[in-house]
């Protein structure tokens, strides 16, 4: 029973803490339009997406989750210019 409560608490905490980031890929390929195919949103350029769907069917569309901001990881440090000490 304690395990169930611990798992439930972890799931609730995970849903409260919003650590999601925007998708860094602006283009999605939608496969097999008539047969309910899948979607792949891992393309940096429209040309990459079009080359992928070429010959297998489908189309490319803009990724609705892409917002254009650079994605950083939690451990990544943003470089700041150093201040010079007065002499």
Protein backbone atom coordinates (compact mmCIF):
# COMPACT_ATOMS: atom_id res chain seq x y z
CA UNK A 1 0.00 0.00 0.00
CA UNK A 2 2.86 2.37 0.80
CA UNK A 3 4.34 1.71 -2.63
CA UNK A 4 1.08 2.67 -4.32
CA UNK A 5 0.88 5.89 -2.32
CA UNK A 6 4.53 6.71 -3.12
CA UNK A 7 3.99 6.14 -6.83
CA UNK A 8 0.82 8.23 -6.80
CA UNK A 9 2.63 11.05 -4.98
CA UNK A 10 5.49 10.94 -7.51
CA UNK A 11 3.05 11.13 -10.42
CA UNK A 12 1.22 14.07 -8.86
CA UNK A 13 4.49 15.90 -8.17
CA UNK A 14 5.61 15.27 -11.74
CA UNK A 15 2.43 16.74 -13.14
CA UNK A 16 2.69 19.83 -10.93
CA UNK A 17 6.32 20.60 -11.75
CA UNK A 18 6.30 21.81 -15.33
CA UNK A 19 9.74 21.06 -16.72
CA UNK A 20 8.59 20.57 -20.31
CA UNK A 21 10.41 22.47 -22.98
CA UNK A 22 9.34 23.49 -26.43
CA UNK A 23 10.07 21.15 -29.31
CA UNK A 24 13.24 22.34 -31.12
CA UNK A 25 12.16 20.97 -34.52
CA UNK A 26 9.95 23.23 -36.68
CA UNK A 27 8.72 20.64 -39.24
CA UNK A 28 6.59 17.48 -39.01
CA UNK A 29 6.07 14.72 -41.58
CA UNK A 30 2.60 13.20 -41.68
CA UNK A 31 2.67 9.72 -43.25
CA UNK A 32 -0.07 7.66 -44.91
CA UNK A 33 -2.86 10.21 -44.99
CA UNK A 34 -5.53 7.74 -46.15
CA UNK A 35 -4.60 4.90 -43.79
CA UNK A 36 -4.18 6.93 -40.60
CA UNK A 37 -0.36 6.82 -40.56
CA UNK A 38 2.00 8.34 -38.03
CA UNK A 39 3.64 11.69 -37.51
CA UNK A 40 7.34 12.47 -37.15
CA UNK A 41 8.30 15.93 -35.85
CA UNK A 42 12.10 15.69 -35.96
CA UNK A 43 13.02 17.86 -38.94
CA UNK A 44 15.04 21.07 -38.80
CA UNK A 45 14.26 22.12 -42.38
CA UNK A 46 11.37 21.77 -44.78
CA UNK A 47 13.72 20.13 -47.32
CA UNK A 48 14.60 17.36 -44.82
CA UNK A 49 10.93 16.67 -44.23
CA UNK A 50 10.06 16.68 -47.94
CA UNK A 51 12.93 14.30 -48.73
CA UNK A 52 11.63 11.89 -46.11
CA UNK A 53 8.04 11.76 -47.37
CA UNK A 54 9.12 11.68 -51.02
CA UNK A 55 8.06 8.38 -52.54
CA UNK A 56 6.30 7.00 -49.46
CA UNK A 57 3.36 9.35 -49.35
CA UNK A 58 2.41 12.01 -46.89
CA UNK A 59 3.06 15.70 -46.46
CA UNK A 60 4.97 18.16 -44.28
CA UNK A 61 3.43 20.66 -41.91
CA UNK A 62 4.64 23.21 -39.40
CA UNK A 63 5.16 21.83 -35.87
CA UNK A 64 2.58 23.50 -33.59
CA UNK A 65 4.80 22.95 -30.54
CA UNK A 66 7.78 24.81 -32.03
CA UNK A 67 8.20 28.31 -30.63
CA UNK A 68 11.63 29.24 -31.97
CA UNK A 69 13.39 29.59 -28.63
CA UNK A 70 16.65 27.72 -28.13
CA UNK A 71 16.37 24.65 -25.92
CA UNK A 72 18.81 24.38 -23.02
CA UNK A 73 19.40 21.54 -20.64
CA UNK A 74 19.21 22.05 -16.86
CA UNK A 75 22.99 21.63 -16.48
CA UNK A 76 23.83 24.01 -19.31
CA UNK A 77 25.41 27.28 -18.23
CA UNK A 78 24.64 30.43 -20.14
CA UNK A 79 27.87 32.25 -21.01
CA UNK A 80 27.91 35.77 -19.66
CA UNK A 81 30.52 38.40 -20.45
CA UNK A 82 33.10 38.86 -17.74
CA UNK A 83 33.31 42.14 -15.93
CA UNK A 84 36.74 43.62 -15.68
CA UNK A 85 37.93 44.58 -12.28
CA UNK A 86 38.90 48.27 -11.97
CA UNK A 87 42.63 48.79 -11.51
